[in-house]
Amino acid sequence: MGAGLFSVVGTLLLPGLALLVQDWRLLQGLSALATGLLLLFWGDTESHMMSCPQVQGVGIGPCHLSGEDLKASLPHPCRYPALFPESPCWLLATGQLARARKILWHFAEASGVDPEDSPEEESSLATELDILSAGSPQPQHHWVLELWHTQVTWRNGLILGFSSLVGGGIRASFLRRLSPPEPTFYGPYFLVAGLEMAATIFLLLTVDRWGRRLILLLGTLVMGLASLLLLAGAQYLPGWPVLSLSVLGLLASQAVSTLSNLFAAEIFPTVIRGAGLGLVLGAGFLGQAAAPLADMHGRRGFFLQHVVFASFAILALLCVLLLPESRGRGLPQSLQDADCLRRSPLLRGHPCQDHLPLLQPSHCRAQTQLVQEA
């Protein structure tokens, strides 16, 4: 959600940049150039370091030297090889331990920490990686269709995708009520961006205090009630209640879409988290793509779209009750771990905060004892 604030800032600055450029082709080219510059930093830490000419010349890898010797032997571009390295958590979950070791070693050495040295041997990074590497496990890649073989995870993903679809699709109904009869200079544009920032700040202040499921339930309830009230009484209400309900509904829909994405990132297991989150994001964009349907045959298309998404909002409200609470829980690593996330009582206290080493402490101690005995 913190990254969403930067997205909103970019949205607010875009009209000013467009006013300076005065040409949409040049504006599109500048946007593509800024995005293309990030590709220069894309890649894996291992591939960037091994592609360095000085590393190739001496035939060393990142694990053959200590942190200070490695930094001294490499030129400046090779010290900071990748801005977007692969996730070590995903590499460990899928059994790619060699790549995970190199990336974690690079992170530790860049922070000035010796990963081989630790006051507690059993909790050191090197010991945990050695335990995970016992038996030479083979990498195991997973496909998103494996969700169908789970008991609970597929249902949680379907509910979150549906709520993201409703949050993105119902937005057009509220925006149509906010559109002034005479066009103004970027008025609705700045209003939507401001409400998105307000929704993100609201989530930052509440989801860690009251939980993901309760806030998602509240946002879906407000979105559905505002949509039903506008659908039933927009012709009989004065201007300010219609405007207030539209702003409130738009704020709730922004919060539901953002929180659905956050919830999905905590519900899906690490082995397919990227694919699952992509499906939920795609459902939200699919709902936003339904906005032009409101212009079919004048106002009749808008009324039909409003009725459909208002009904979906009430259905999503009932479905959210089936979701588990992910606050205070560790992220699931495998599909079996994700199936252990069961629905808990709505208003009870959250579970104890998890401690998240690479291995659970009890499992780590048992494996360490086996290694020492061997």
Protein backbone atom coordinates (compact mmCIF):
# COMPACT_ATOMS: atom_id res chain seq x y z
CA MET A 1 0.00 0.00 0.00
CA GLY A 2 2.93 2.31 0.51
CA ALA A 3 3.81 1.88 -3.16
CA GLY A 4 0.23 2.91 -3.97
CA LEU A 5 0.93 6.35 -2.54
CA PHE A 6 3.74 6.82 -5.05
CA SER A 7 1.33 5.78 -7.80
CA VAL A 8 -1.16 8.41 -6.65
CA VAL A 9 1.57 11.07 -6.57
CA GLY A 10 2.46 10.16 -10.15
CA THR A 11 -1.21 10.42 -11.11
CA LEU A 12 -1.44 13.89 -9.57
CA LEU A 13 1.74 15.06 -11.32
CA LEU A 14 0.78 13.73 -14.74
CA PRO A 15 -1.53 16.65 -15.73
CA GLY A 16 1.22 19.13 -14.90
CA LEU A 17 3.66 17.22 -17.10
CA ALA A 18 1.06 17.08 -19.87
CA LEU A 19 0.58 20.84 -19.58
CA LEU A 20 4.31 21.39 -20.01
CA VAL A 21 4.75 18.95 -22.90
CA GLN A 22 1.63 19.96 -24.88
CA ASP A 23 1.99 16.92 -27.16
CA TRP A 24 0.63 13.49 -26.31
CA ARG A 25 3.19 11.71 -28.51
CA LEU A 26 6.08 13.31 -26.64
CA LEU A 27 4.38 12.55 -23.32
CA GLN A 28 3.97 8.91 -24.31
CA GLY A 29 7.62 8.77 -25.36
CA LEU A 30 8.80 10.20 -22.05
CA SER A 31 6.71 7.68 -20.13
CA ALA A 32 8.11 4.81 -22.18
CA LEU A 33 11.66 6.11 -21.71
CA ALA A 34 11.30 6.33 -17.94
CA THR A 35 9.95 2.78 -17.85
CA GLY A 36 12.65 1.51 -20.18
CA LEU A 37 15.40 2.86 -17.96
CA LEU A 38 14.28 0.46 -15.22
CA LEU A 39 15.04 -2.48 -17.52
CA LEU A 40 18.72 -1.65 -17.17
CA PHE A 41 18.53 -2.66 -13.50
CA TRP A 42 16.36 -5.75 -14.03
CA GLY A 43 17.88 -9.14 -13.48
CA ASP A 44 19.30 -11.57 -11.01
CA THR A 45 22.17 -10.76 -8.67
CA GLU A 46 24.06 -13.84 -9.77
CA SER A 47 23.77 -13.08 -13.48
CA HIS A 48 24.81 -9.46 -13.03
CA MET A 49 27.85 -10.32 -10.96
CA MET A 50 29.00 -13.15 -13.21
CA SER A 51 28.56 -10.93 -16.29
CA CYS A 52 31.00 -8.40 -14.84
CA PRO A 53 34.26 -8.48 -16.88
CA GLN A 54 36.46 -8.30 -13.78
CA VAL A 55 34.67 -11.26 -12.18
CA GLN A 56 35.00 -13.27 -15.40
CA GLY A 57 38.69 -12.38 -15.64
CA VAL A 58 39.62 -13.78 -12.26
CA GLY A 59 37.08 -16.60 -12.30
CA ILE A 60 35.49 -15.94 -8.92
CA GLY A 61 31.91 -15.93 -7.71
CA PRO A 62 30.19 -13.95 -5.00
CA CYS A 63 30.71 -16.67 -2.38
CA HIS A 64 34.46 -17.16 -2.80
CA LEU A 65 35.53 -13.92 -1.15
CA SER A 66 34.57 -12.13 2.00
CA GLY A 67 32.42 -9.02 1.82
CA GLU A 68 35.27 -6.49 2.02
CA ASP A 69 37.53 -8.36 -0.41
CA LEU A 70 34.70 -8.76 -2.89
CA LYS A 71 33.80 -5.06 -2.76
CA ALA A 72 37.44 -4.09 -3.19
CA SER A 73 37.97 -6.42 -6.16
CA LEU A 74 34.92 -5.36 -8.15
CA PRO A 75 34.41 -2.09 -10.04
CA HIS A 76 31.63 0.26 -9.02
CA PRO A 77 28.90 -1.02 -11.39
CA CYS A 78 29.40 -4.58 -10.12
CA ARG A 79 28.99 -3.68 -6.47
CA TYR A 80 25.32 -2.83 -6.97
CA PRO A 81 24.37 -5.40 -9.58
CA ALA A 82 20.58 -5.53 -9.56
CA LEU A 83 17.85 -3.17 -8.47
CA PHE A 84 15.22 -5.91 -8.79
CA PRO A 85 16.78 -9.26 -7.77
CA GLU A 86 14.71 -12.40 -7.57
CA SER A 87 12.82 -12.95 -4.32
CA PRO A 88 14.87 -15.17 -1.96
CA CYS A 89 11.63 -16.26 -0.27
CA TRP A 90 10.26 -17.62 -3.57
CA LEU A 91 13.60 -19.26 -4.40
CA LEU A 92 13.67 -21.04 -1.04
CA ALA A 93 10.04 -22.14 -1.33
CA THR A 94 10.64 -23.63 -4.79
CA GLY A 95 13.89 -25.35 -3.82
CA GLN A 96 16.32 -23.13 -5.76
CA LEU A 97 18.73 -22.93 -2.86
CA ALA A 98 21.91 -22.06 -4.76
CA ARG A 99 20.40 -18.90 -6.25
CA ALA A 100 18.82 -17.98 -2.92
CA ARG A 101 22.18 -18.38 -1.15
CA LYS A 102 23.95 -16.02 -3.57
CA ILE A 103 21.27 -13.34 -3.28
CA LEU A 104 21.12 -13.58 0.52
CA TRP A 105 24.92 -13.45 0.69
CA HIS A 106 24.87 -10.31 -1.44
CA PHE A 107 22.27 -8.69 0.82
CA ALA A 108 24.23 -9.57 3.94
CA GLU A 109 27.56 -8.32 2.57
CA ALA A 110 25.98 -5.12 1.26
CA SER A 111 24.70 -4.50 4.80
CA GLY A 112 28.14 -5.07 6.30
CA VAL A 113 27.16 -8.37 7.97
CA ASP A 114 29.16 -11.57 7.76
CA PRO A 115 26.59 -14.35 7.14
CA GLU A 116 29.03 -16.99 8.39
CA ASP A 117 29.36 -15.33 11.79
CA SER A 118 26.48 -15.39 14.26
CA PRO A 119 26.35 -15.34 18.08
CA GLU A 120 23.91 -18.26 17.99
CA GLU A 121 24.99 -21.06 15.69
CA GLU A 122 21.56 -22.58 15.29
CA SER A 123 19.96 -19.30 14.17
CA SER A 124 22.67 -18.27 11.73
CA LEU A 125 21.82 -17.87 8.08
CA ALA A 126 24.52 -20.29 6.98
CA THR A 127 23.26 -23.04 9.29
CA GLU A 128 19.68 -22.75 8.12
CA LEU A 129 20.72 -22.82 4.48
CA ASP A 130 22.87 -25.89 5.09
CA ILE A 131 19.91 -27.64 6.70
CA LEU A 132 17.66 -26.78 3.78
CA SER A 133 20.29 -28.04 1.33
CA ALA A 134 20.58 -31.43 3.04
CA GLY A 135 19.77 -34.17 0.55
CA SER A 136 20.23 -31.94 -2.55
CA PRO A 137 16.52 -31.13 -3.12
CA GLN A 138 15.46 -30.52 -6.69
CA PRO A 139 13.70 -27.27 -7.73
CA GLN A 140 9.92 -27.59 -7.85
CA HIS A 141 8.02 -25.10 -9.99
CA HIS A 142 4.27 -24.73 -9.57
CA TRP A 143 1.48 -23.78 -11.95
CA VAL A 144 -1.44 -21.57 -10.98
CA LEU A 145 -3.93 -24.25 -12.06
CA GLU A 146 -2.78 -26.31 -9.08
CA LEU A 147 -5.15 -24.13 -7.05
CA TRP A 148 -8.00 -26.37 -8.19
CA HIS A 149 -6.51 -29.22 -6.18
CA THR A 150 -6.63 -27.22 -2.95
CA GLN A 151 -9.50 -27.23 -0.50
CA VAL A 152 -9.66 -23.61 0.67
CA THR A 153 -7.13 -21.53 -1.27
CA TRP A 154 -9.04 -21.57 -4.55
CA ARG A 155 -12.18 -20.32 -2.78
CA ASN A 156 -10.29 -17.50 -1.06
CA GLY A 157 -8.74 -16.44 -4.35
CA LEU A 158 -12.11 -16.54 -6.11
CA ILE A 159 -13.71 -14.35 -3.44
CA LEU A 160 -10.90 -11.80 -3.55
CA GLY A 161 -10.98 -11.73 -7.34
CA PHE A 162 -14.74 -11.19 -7.26
CA SER A 163 -14.47 -8.35 -4.73
CA SER A 164 -11.73 -6.73 -6.86
CA LEU A 165 -13.98 -7.07 -9.92
CA VAL A 166 -16.88 -5.40 -8.14
CA GLY A 167 -14.69 -2.64 -6.71
CA GLY A 168 -13.31 -1.80 -10.14
CA GLY A 169 -16.60 -2.14 -12.02
CA ILE A 170 -18.88 -0.18 -9.71
CA ARG A 171 -16.54 2.79 -9.82
CA ALA A 172 -18.02 3.95 -13.13
CA SER A 173 -21.47 4.23 -11.55
CA PHE A 174 -20.23 6.62 -8.88
CA LEU A 175 -18.10 8.60 -11.34
CA ARG A 176 -21.10 9.18 -13.58
CA ARG A 177 -22.94 10.80 -10.66
CA LEU A 178 -19.94 13.03 -9.97
CA SER A 179 -19.52 14.24 -13.55
CA PRO A 180 -20.59 17.90 -13.76
CA PRO A 181 -23.01 19.01 -16.50
CA GLU A 182 -20.31 21.29 -17.90
CA PRO A 183 -16.76 19.98 -18.33
CA THR A 184 -14.20 21.34 -15.88
CA PHE A 185 -10.40 21.35 -15.99
CA TYR A 186 -9.43 17.89 -14.73
CA GLY A 187 -11.99 18.10 -11.91
CA PRO A 188 -13.07 14.41 -11.82
CA TYR A 189 -9.48 13.33 -12.50
CA PHE A 190 -8.09 15.06 -9.40
CA LEU A 191 -11.10 13.96 -7.35
CA VAL A 192 -10.51 10.29 -8.15
CA ALA A 193 -6.76 10.60 -7.43
CA GLY A 194 -7.43 12.38 -4.14
CA LEU A 195 -9.96 9.75 -3.06
CA GLU A 196 -7.50 7.00 -3.94
CA MET A 197 -4.89 8.62 -1.72
CA ALA A 198 -7.45 9.00 1.08
CA ALA A 199 -8.44 5.33 0.75
CA THR A 200 -4.79 4.22 0.89
CA ILE A 201 -4.10 6.32 3.99
CA PHE A 202 -7.26 4.98 5.63
CA LEU A 203 -6.11 1.41 4.99
CA LEU A 204 -2.63 2.14 6.34
CA LEU A 205 -4.18 3.36 9.59
CA THR A 206 -6.79 0.62 10.06
CA VAL A 207 -5.89 -2.78 8.55
CA ASP A 208 -3.12 -3.52 11.07
CA ARG A 209 -5.32 -2.40 13.95
CA TRP A 210 -8.66 -4.03 13.11
CA GLY A 211 -7.73 -6.70 10.60
CA ARG A 212 -8.04 -7.20 6.86
CA ARG A 213 -11.34 -9.05 6.79
CA LEU A 214 -13.24 -6.59 8.99
CA ILE A 215 -12.11 -3.56 6.96
CA LEU A 216 -12.88 -5.35 3.69
CA LEU A 217 -16.31 -6.22 5.03
CA LEU A 218 -16.90 -2.61 6.09
CA GLY A 219 -15.78 -1.24 2.73
CA THR A 220 -17.98 -3.67 0.81
CA LEU A 221 -20.94 -2.80 3.04
CA VAL A 222 -20.52 0.96 2.49
CA MET A 223 -20.04 0.45 -1.24
CA GLY A 224 -23.17 -1.68 -1.54
CA LEU A 225 -25.36 0.62 0.58
CA ALA A 226 -24.26 3.72 -1.31
CA SER A 227 -24.93 2.01 -4.62
CA LEU A 228 -28.40 0.84 -3.55
CA LEU A 229 -29.36 4.27 -2.17
CA LEU A 230 -28.28 5.98 -5.38
CA LEU A 231 -30.11 3.39 -7.44
CA ALA A 232 -33.35 3.77 -5.50
CA GLY A 233 -33.45 7.48 -4.63
CA ALA A 234 -31.18 9.45 -6.94
CA GLN A 235 -34.19 10.96 -8.73
CA TYR A 236 -35.82 12.11 -5.47
CA LEU A 237 -32.81 13.29 -3.46
CA PRO A 238 -31.34 16.80 -3.66
CA GLY A 239 -27.90 17.42 -5.07
CA TRP A 240 -25.75 17.28 -1.95
CA PRO A 241 -26.90 13.82 -0.71
CA VAL A 242 -26.28 12.36 -4.16
CA LEU A 243 -22.83 13.96 -4.24
CA SER A 244 -22.02 12.72 -0.73
CA LEU A 245 -23.14 9.16 -1.47
CA SER A 246 -21.15 9.14 -4.72
CA VAL A 247 -17.98 10.33 -2.99
CA LEU A 248 -18.45 7.84 -0.16
CA GLY A 249 -19.13 4.97 -2.55
CA LEU A 250 -16.13 5.87 -4.71
CA LEU A 251 -13.91 6.02 -1.63
CA ALA A 252 -15.18 2.62 -0.48
CA SER A 253 -14.67 1.07 -3.92
CA GLN A 254 -11.07 2.33 -4.00
CA ALA A 255 -10.47 0.83 -0.56
CA VAL A 256 -12.03 -2.51 -1.53
CA SER A 257 -9.88 -2.79 -4.67
CA THR A 258 -6.65 -1.94 -2.84
CA LEU A 259 -7.37 -4.16 0.15
CA SER A 260 -8.34 -7.09 -2.09
CA ASN A 261 -4.88 -6.94 -3.65
CA LEU A 262 -3.17 -6.78 -0.25
CA PHE A 263 -5.31 -9.62 1.06
CA ALA A 264 -4.49 -11.76 -1.98
CA ALA A 265 -0.75 -11.24 -1.43
CA GLU A 266 -1.15 -12.67 2.10
CA ILE A 267 -3.56 -15.49 1.25
CA PHE A 268 -1.82 -17.07 -1.73
CA PRO A 269 1.24 -19.23 -0.96
CA THR A 270 4.73 -18.12 -1.91
CA VAL A 271 5.10 -20.70 -4.66
CA ILE A 272 2.29 -19.12 -6.74
CA ARG A 273 1.82 -15.75 -5.04
CA GLY A 274 2.76 -13.74 -8.12
CA ALA A 275 0.34 -15.62 -10.38
CA GLY A 276 -2.49 -15.48 -7.85
CA LEU A 277 -2.03 -11.78 -7.22
CA GLY A 278 -1.94 -11.21 -10.98
CA LEU A 279 -5.33 -12.91 -11.34
CA VAL A 280 -6.86 -10.67 -8.66
CA LEU A 281 -5.37 -7.56 -10.25
CA GLY A 282 -6.62 -8.68 -13.65
CA ALA A 283 -10.14 -9.09 -12.26
CA GLY A 284 -10.03 -5.49 -11.02
CA PHE A 285 -8.92 -4.20 -14.41
CA LEU A 286 -11.64 -6.28 -16.06
CA GLY A 287 -14.21 -4.53 -13.90
CA GLN A 288 -12.82 -1.12 -14.88
CA ALA A 289 -13.00 -2.16 -18.54
CA ALA A 290 -16.80 -2.47 -18.17
CA ALA A 291 -17.12 1.32 -17.80
CA PRO A 292 -17.89 1.98 -21.53
CA LEU A 293 -20.94 -0.30 -21.25
CA ALA A 294 -22.66 2.55 -19.40
CA ASP A 295 -22.88 4.52 -22.67
CA MET A 296 -24.85 1.83 -24.52
CA HIS A 297 -28.20 3.15 -25.76
CA GLY A 298 -28.04 6.35 -23.77
CA ARG A 299 -28.83 5.99 -20.09
CA ARG A 300 -30.27 2.47 -20.25
CA GLY A 301 -26.83 0.88 -20.32
CA PHE A 302 -25.79 2.91 -17.26
CA PHE A 303 -28.89 1.82 -15.32
CA LEU A 304 -28.36 -1.85 -16.17
CA GLN A 305 -24.69 -1.71 -15.21
CA HIS A 306 -25.56 -0.02 -11.93
CA VAL A 307 -28.13 -2.71 -11.09
CA VAL A 308 -25.75 -5.56 -11.91
CA PHE A 309 -22.81 -4.23 -9.88
CA ALA A 310 -25.03 -3.23 -6.95
CA SER A 311 -26.26 -6.83 -6.82
CA PHE A 312 -22.68 -8.07 -7.06
CA ALA A 313 -21.69 -5.82 -4.16
CA ILE A 314 -24.30 -7.42 -1.90
CA LEU A 315 -23.15 -10.87 -2.98
CA ALA A 316 -19.51 -9.94 -2.34
CA LEU A 317 -20.51 -8.78 1.16
CA LEU A 318 -21.71 -12.30 1.97
CA CYS A 319 -18.65 -13.92 0.41
CA VAL A 320 -16.18 -11.83 2.43
CA LEU A 321 -17.49 -13.51 5.58
CA LEU A 322 -15.91 -16.77 4.36
CA LEU A 323 -12.39 -15.35 4.21
CA PRO A 324 -9.78 -16.07 6.91
CA GLU A 325 -8.00 -13.32 8.80
CA SER A 326 -4.35 -12.95 7.80
CA ARG A 327 -3.27 -10.26 10.26
CA GLY A 328 -0.48 -11.43 12.53
CA ARG A 329 0.05 -14.69 10.64
CA GLY A 330 3.08 -15.78 8.69
CA LEU A 331 2.85 -15.87 4.93
CA PRO A 332 2.03 -19.39 3.66
CA GLN A 333 4.91 -20.98 1.76
CA SER A 334 3.27 -24.01 0.14
CA LEU A 335 -0.20 -24.92 -1.05
CA GLN A 336 -0.64 -27.04 2.08
CA ASP A 337 0.20 -24.06 4.29
CA ALA A 338 -2.35 -21.91 2.46
CA ASP A 339 -5.06 -24.51 3.05
CA CYS A 340 -4.41 -24.20 6.80
CA LEU A 341 -5.74 -20.61 6.74
CA ARG A 342 -9.25 -21.21 8.00
CA ARG A 343 -12.04 -18.78 8.75
CA SER A 344 -11.81 -17.42 12.28
CA PRO A 345 -14.37 -15.50 14.40
CA LEU A 346 -14.80 -11.96 13.12
CA LEU A 347 -14.42 -9.92 16.30
CA ARG A 348 -12.04 -12.03 18.41
CA GLY A 349 -8.45 -11.11 19.08
CA HIS A 350 -5.86 -11.79 16.42
CA PRO A 351 -3.44 -14.69 16.80
CA CYS A 352 0.00 -14.23 18.27
CA GLN A 353 2.61 -12.63 16.07
CA ASP A 354 4.67 -15.20 14.20
CA HIS A 355 8.46 -15.29 14.24
CA LEU A 356 9.66 -15.94 10.73
CA PRO A 357 13.11 -17.46 10.31
CA LEU A 358 13.75 -19.55 7.24
CA LEU A 359 12.71 -22.58 9.28
CA GLN A 360 10.48 -22.92 12.30
CA PRO A 361 12.62 -23.00 15.51
CA SER A 362 11.56 -26.51 16.55
CA HIS A 363 12.14 -27.92 13.08
CA CYS A 364 15.46 -26.12 12.84
CA ARG A 365 16.70 -27.56 16.16
CA ALA A 366 15.64 -31.06 15.19
CA GLN A 367 17.36 -30.88 11.82
CA THR A 368 20.49 -29.39 13.37
CA GLN A 369 20.70 -32.24 15.87
CA LEU A 370 20.36 -34.78 13.05
CA VAL A 371 23.15 -33.09 11.09
CA GLN A 372 25.44 -33.02 14.12
CA GLU A 373 24.79 -36.70 14.88
CA ALA A 374 25.53 -37.61 11.26
